[in-house]
Amino acid sequence: MDKRLEEREEIRLAVNINGIHNGQALDISPEGMFIKIPVEYKVGALVTLRFNINGVTIQTKALIRSFRPGVGAGVQFQGLSEAGEDRIIDFIEQNKKKHEAGSSRTGRAAVLLVDDSSATVEPFAAQLFLADIDVIRARNGVEAIKKLEESGSGIDLVITDLLMPVMDGFRLIHYIKGSPKFSRLPVVVLSSFNKGTDDIQRLSALGVDAGHIFMRQNSRVAEFAAAIARIIKESKNR
């Protein structure tokens, strides 16, 4: 797959669903988007989306892949034209350049979200964006280290899953905690595991604060975003 198709960009983009409901896309890729919408849609439903990018209206079918009440829906485009895909890719690149040019002036915090399954973390990423926290994504530890090196001091906190290909979350945390450059960077774990497991003890041995460990299946997205904002604030006040 073209690496450009795996890129997601946090945005605020008006979207119409089925010609009836209006929502706001909070991220976009050539494969789909996450839409904040107050009404409920069933997972597996096929909908029609209309949205405008740089003065051009794009209309496409989309499959509802996930839905969180009060948060929104993750959708996957179905039959998006090649021209539409190219336009989205161009839009993502333009948005990145604008963000990079203005990032030092926005005052928004930035987190690095490391997870190989974008669908499971879409609601969390969307809520962070609504909380004025920019989200940079990586699919594994190797990509995360590259993003950290590229960002300089532009990342305020790392959120990582544990089980990932290439380099898992444990090895990523070990790298961060042992790096003179990144050792003071707060690390938060957002993963699927049970309390009292060996994973908790292993994370503690790596230096992860107990209050920075969240079970994905038990975490409410709004409360998680609030906790991240608090951790970032506390880190900056040290």
Protein backbone atom coordinates (compact mmCIF):
# COMPACT_ATOMS: atom_id res chain seq x y z
CA MET A 1 0.00 0.00 0.00
CA ASP A 2 1.16 3.53 -0.80
CA LYS A 3 2.38 5.00 2.51
CA ARG A 4 0.44 8.16 1.74
CA LEU A 5 -2.79 6.16 2.13
CA GLU A 6 -1.90 5.36 5.73
CA GLU A 7 -1.56 9.03 6.76
CA ARG A 8 -4.27 10.59 8.89
CA GLU A 9 -4.56 14.29 9.54
CA GLU A 10 -6.47 15.92 12.40
CA ILE A 11 -8.85 18.51 10.96
CA ARG A 12 -12.19 20.23 11.42
CA LEU A 13 -14.28 19.65 8.31
CA ALA A 14 -18.05 19.94 7.84
CA VAL A 15 -19.65 16.71 6.58
CA ASN A 16 -23.22 15.94 5.53
CA ILE A 17 -24.52 12.40 6.07
CA ASN A 18 -27.32 11.02 3.87
CA GLY A 19 -28.39 14.56 3.01
CA ILE A 20 -29.99 14.80 6.48
CA HIS A 21 -27.49 15.12 9.31
CA ASN A 22 -24.55 17.48 9.60
CA GLY A 23 -21.39 16.44 11.43
CA GLN A 24 -17.78 17.49 11.78
CA ALA A 25 -14.88 15.34 10.62
CA LEU A 26 -12.08 15.37 13.17
CA ASP A 27 -9.57 13.44 11.11
CA ILE A 28 -9.25 12.26 7.53
CA SER A 29 -7.27 9.84 5.38
CA PRO A 30 -7.87 8.53 1.84
CA GLU A 31 -9.41 5.49 3.53
CA GLY A 32 -11.90 7.22 5.81
CA MET A 33 -12.57 9.72 8.58
CA PHE A 34 -13.90 10.09 12.11
CA ILE A 35 -17.05 12.22 12.33
CA LYS A 36 -18.44 13.92 15.43
CA ILE A 37 -22.21 13.61 15.11
CA PRO A 38 -24.98 13.81 17.74
CA VAL A 39 -27.24 11.11 16.25
CA GLU A 40 -26.64 7.37 16.39
CA TYR A 41 -25.67 5.25 13.39
CA LYS A 42 -25.47 1.46 13.48
CA VAL A 43 -22.11 -0.20 12.87
CA GLY A 44 -22.20 -1.78 9.40
CA ALA A 45 -24.61 0.78 7.95
CA LEU A 46 -23.82 2.24 4.53
CA VAL A 47 -24.18 6.02 4.29
CA THR A 48 -23.59 8.78 1.74
CA LEU A 49 -21.16 11.53 2.67
CA ARG A 50 -20.73 14.97 1.14
CA PHE A 51 -17.89 17.32 2.12
CA ASN A 52 -15.98 20.17 0.58
CA ILE A 53 -12.19 20.23 0.13
CA ASN A 54 -10.59 23.36 -1.28
CA GLY A 55 -13.80 24.43 -3.01
CA VAL A 56 -14.56 21.04 -4.53
CA THR A 57 -17.45 18.89 -3.26
CA ILE A 58 -16.68 15.20 -2.76
CA GLN A 59 -19.51 12.69 -2.51
CA THR A 60 -18.89 9.06 -1.63
CA LYS A 61 -20.44 6.06 0.04
CA ALA A 62 -19.00 5.08 3.42
CA LEU A 63 -19.32 2.16 5.84
CA ILE A 64 -19.82 2.85 9.56
CA ARG A 65 -16.95 0.91 11.17
CA SER A 66 -17.31 2.12 14.76
CA PHE A 67 -19.63 4.30 16.79
CA ARG A 68 -19.35 5.81 20.28
CA PRO A 69 -22.48 7.57 21.63
CA GLY A 70 -21.73 11.20 22.35
CA VAL A 71 -18.43 10.99 20.47
CA GLY A 72 -19.02 9.99 16.86
CA ALA A 73 -18.49 7.46 14.11
CA GLY A 74 -15.46 6.07 12.33
CA VAL A 75 -16.26 5.55 8.66
CA GLN A 76 -14.50 3.82 5.78
CA PHE A 77 -14.95 5.20 2.28
CA GLN A 78 -16.56 2.87 -0.25
CA GLY A 79 -15.95 3.50 -3.96
CA LEU A 80 -14.12 6.80 -3.51
CA SER A 81 -12.97 7.98 -6.94
CA GLU A 82 -9.28 8.19 -7.76
CA ALA A 83 -9.67 11.95 -8.21
CA GLY A 84 -11.26 12.20 -4.77
CA GLU A 85 -8.46 10.14 -3.22
CA ASP A 86 -5.81 12.34 -4.84
CA ARG A 87 -7.59 15.46 -3.63
CA ILE A 88 -7.65 14.16 -0.06
CA ILE A 89 -3.94 13.26 -0.21
CA ASP A 90 -3.13 16.77 -1.47
CA PHE A 91 -5.32 18.27 1.26
CA ILE A 92 -3.48 16.27 3.94
CA GLU A 93 -0.10 17.45 2.66
CA GLN A 94 -1.26 21.08 2.54
CA ASN A 95 -2.70 20.83 6.05
CA LYS A 96 0.54 19.36 7.39
CA LYS A 97 2.58 22.19 5.93
CA LYS A 98 0.24 24.78 7.43
CA HIS A 99 0.39 23.03 10.79
CA GLU A 100 4.19 22.82 10.74
CA ALA A 101 4.44 26.50 9.80
CA GLY A 102 2.07 27.61 12.56
CA SER A 103 2.68 25.02 15.26
CA SER A 104 4.92 27.31 17.31
CA ARG A 105 2.16 29.90 17.45
CA THR A 106 -0.92 27.78 18.19
CA GLY A 107 -0.22 27.09 21.85
CA ARG A 108 -1.81 23.65 21.44
CA ALA A 109 -0.20 20.66 23.10
CA ALA A 110 0.85 17.69 20.95
CA VAL A 111 0.86 13.98 21.76
CA LEU A 112 2.36 11.04 19.90
CA LEU A 113 -0.24 8.25 19.69
CA VAL A 114 1.36 4.87 18.99
CA ASP A 115 -1.01 2.04 18.01
CA ASP A 116 -1.14 -0.38 15.10
CA SER A 117 -4.96 -0.37 14.99
CA SER A 118 -6.30 3.07 14.14
CA ALA A 119 -9.93 1.94 14.52
CA THR A 120 -9.58 1.15 18.22
CA VAL A 121 -8.10 4.56 19.08
CA GLU A 122 -10.14 6.78 16.73
CA PRO A 123 -12.56 7.91 19.48
CA PHE A 124 -9.67 8.73 21.83
CA ALA A 125 -7.80 10.66 19.12
CA ALA A 126 -10.95 12.58 18.20
CA GLN A 127 -11.61 13.57 21.82
CA LEU A 128 -8.00 14.70 22.28
CA PHE A 129 -8.33 16.89 19.19
CA LEU A 130 -11.52 18.44 20.60
CA ALA A 131 -9.58 19.13 23.81
CA ASP A 132 -7.12 21.27 21.77
CA ILE A 133 -4.45 18.57 21.74
CA ASP A 134 -2.85 17.76 18.41
CA VAL A 135 -2.36 14.05 17.68
CA ILE A 136 0.65 12.70 15.80
CA ARG A 137 0.33 9.03 14.88
CA ALA A 138 2.71 6.08 14.64
CA ARG A 139 1.95 2.39 14.11
CA ASN A 140 4.78 0.88 16.14
CA GLY A 141 7.82 1.74 18.24
CA VAL A 142 10.16 2.18 15.30
CA GLU A 143 7.86 4.75 13.66
CA ALA A 144 7.38 6.42 17.05
CA ILE A 145 11.13 6.89 17.58
CA LYS A 146 11.43 8.37 14.10
CA LYS A 147 8.58 10.81 14.85
CA LEU A 148 10.20 11.78 18.16
CA GLU A 149 13.53 12.46 16.48
CA GLU A 150 11.85 14.51 13.73
CA SER A 151 9.77 16.56 16.15
CA GLY A 152 12.61 17.80 18.33
CA SER A 153 10.82 19.18 21.39
CA GLY A 154 7.44 19.46 19.64
CA ILE A 155 5.84 16.46 21.38
CA ASP A 156 4.56 16.88 24.94
CA LEU A 157 3.56 13.31 25.76
CA VAL A 158 3.58 9.77 24.31
CA ILE A 159 0.54 7.48 24.41
CA THR A 160 1.34 3.91 23.46
CA ASP A 161 -0.27 0.52 23.05
CA LEU A 162 1.70 -2.49 24.29
CA LEU A 163 1.29 -5.21 21.67
CA MET A 164 2.45 -3.99 18.25
CA PRO A 165 4.52 -5.42 15.39
CA VAL A 166 8.14 -4.43 14.63
CA MET A 167 8.69 -2.84 18.07
CA ASP A 168 6.18 -3.23 20.89
CA GLY A 169 5.25 -0.70 23.55
CA PHE A 170 7.53 -2.16 26.22
CA ARG A 171 10.64 -1.72 24.07
CA LEU A 172 9.50 1.78 23.06
CA ILE A 173 9.10 2.78 26.72
CA HIS A 174 12.50 1.29 27.52
CA TYR A 175 14.02 3.43 24.74
CA ILE A 176 12.30 6.63 25.91
CA LYS A 177 13.13 6.17 29.60
CA GLY A 178 16.75 5.38 28.76
CA SER A 179 17.24 8.28 26.37
CA PRO A 180 18.87 11.46 27.75
CA LYS A 181 16.92 13.39 25.14
CA PHE A 182 13.44 11.99 25.90
CA SER A 183 13.64 10.55 29.43
CA ARG A 184 11.58 13.40 30.93
CA LEU A 185 8.81 12.95 28.36
CA PRO A 186 5.61 11.65 30.04
CA VAL A 187 4.56 8.21 28.80
CA VAL A 188 0.96 7.01 29.04
CA VAL A 189 -0.12 3.44 28.28
CA LEU A 190 -3.50 2.89 26.61
CA SER A 191 -3.94 -0.80 25.97
CA SER A 192 -6.12 -3.88 26.52
CA PHE A 193 -5.07 -5.89 29.57
CA ASN A 194 -6.33 -6.80 33.03
CA LYS A 195 -5.36 -5.17 36.31
CA GLY A 196 -2.95 -7.20 38.38
CA THR A 197 -1.26 -8.79 35.41
CA ASP A 198 2.49 -9.11 34.89
CA ASP A 199 2.15 -6.24 32.40
CA ILE A 200 1.51 -3.79 35.25
CA GLN A 201 4.59 -4.94 37.13
CA ARG A 202 6.69 -4.78 33.98
CA LEU A 203 5.52 -1.23 33.25
CA SER A 204 6.27 -0.18 36.83
CA ALA A 205 9.80 -1.60 36.49
CA LEU A 206 10.23 0.47 33.32
CA GLY A 207 9.32 3.62 35.25
CA VAL A 208 5.72 4.16 34.11
CA ASP A 209 3.62 5.89 36.77
CA ALA A 210 0.60 3.84 37.90
CA GLY A 211 -1.63 6.83 37.16
CA HIS A 212 -0.44 6.82 33.57
CA ILE A 213 -1.76 3.32 32.79
CA PHE A 214 -5.23 3.08 31.23
CA MET A 215 -7.18 -0.01 30.21
CA ARG A 216 -8.70 0.83 26.84
CA GLN A 217 -11.84 -1.24 27.46
CA ASN A 218 -12.63 0.63 30.70
CA SER A 219 -11.63 4.16 29.72
CA ARG A 220 -14.15 6.84 28.79
CA VAL A 221 -12.80 9.03 26.01
CA ALA A 222 -13.69 12.38 27.62
CA GLU A 223 -12.16 11.39 30.97
CA PHE A 224 -9.06 10.06 29.20
CA ALA A 225 -8.58 13.34 27.29
CA ALA A 226 -8.97 15.31 30.51
CA ALA A 227 -6.36 13.10 32.20
CA ILE A 228 -3.93 13.63 29.31
CA ALA A 229 -4.39 17.41 29.50
CA ARG A 230 -3.72 17.27 33.25
CA ILE A 231 -0.58 15.13 32.85
CA ILE A 232 0.79 17.50 30.20
CA LYS A 233 0.11 20.52 32.42
CA GLU A 234 1.77 18.90 35.42
CA SER A 235 4.79 17.96 33.31
CA LYS A 236 5.21 21.52 32.03
CA ASN A 237 4.94 22.94 35.57
CA ARG A 238 7.81 20.81 36.91
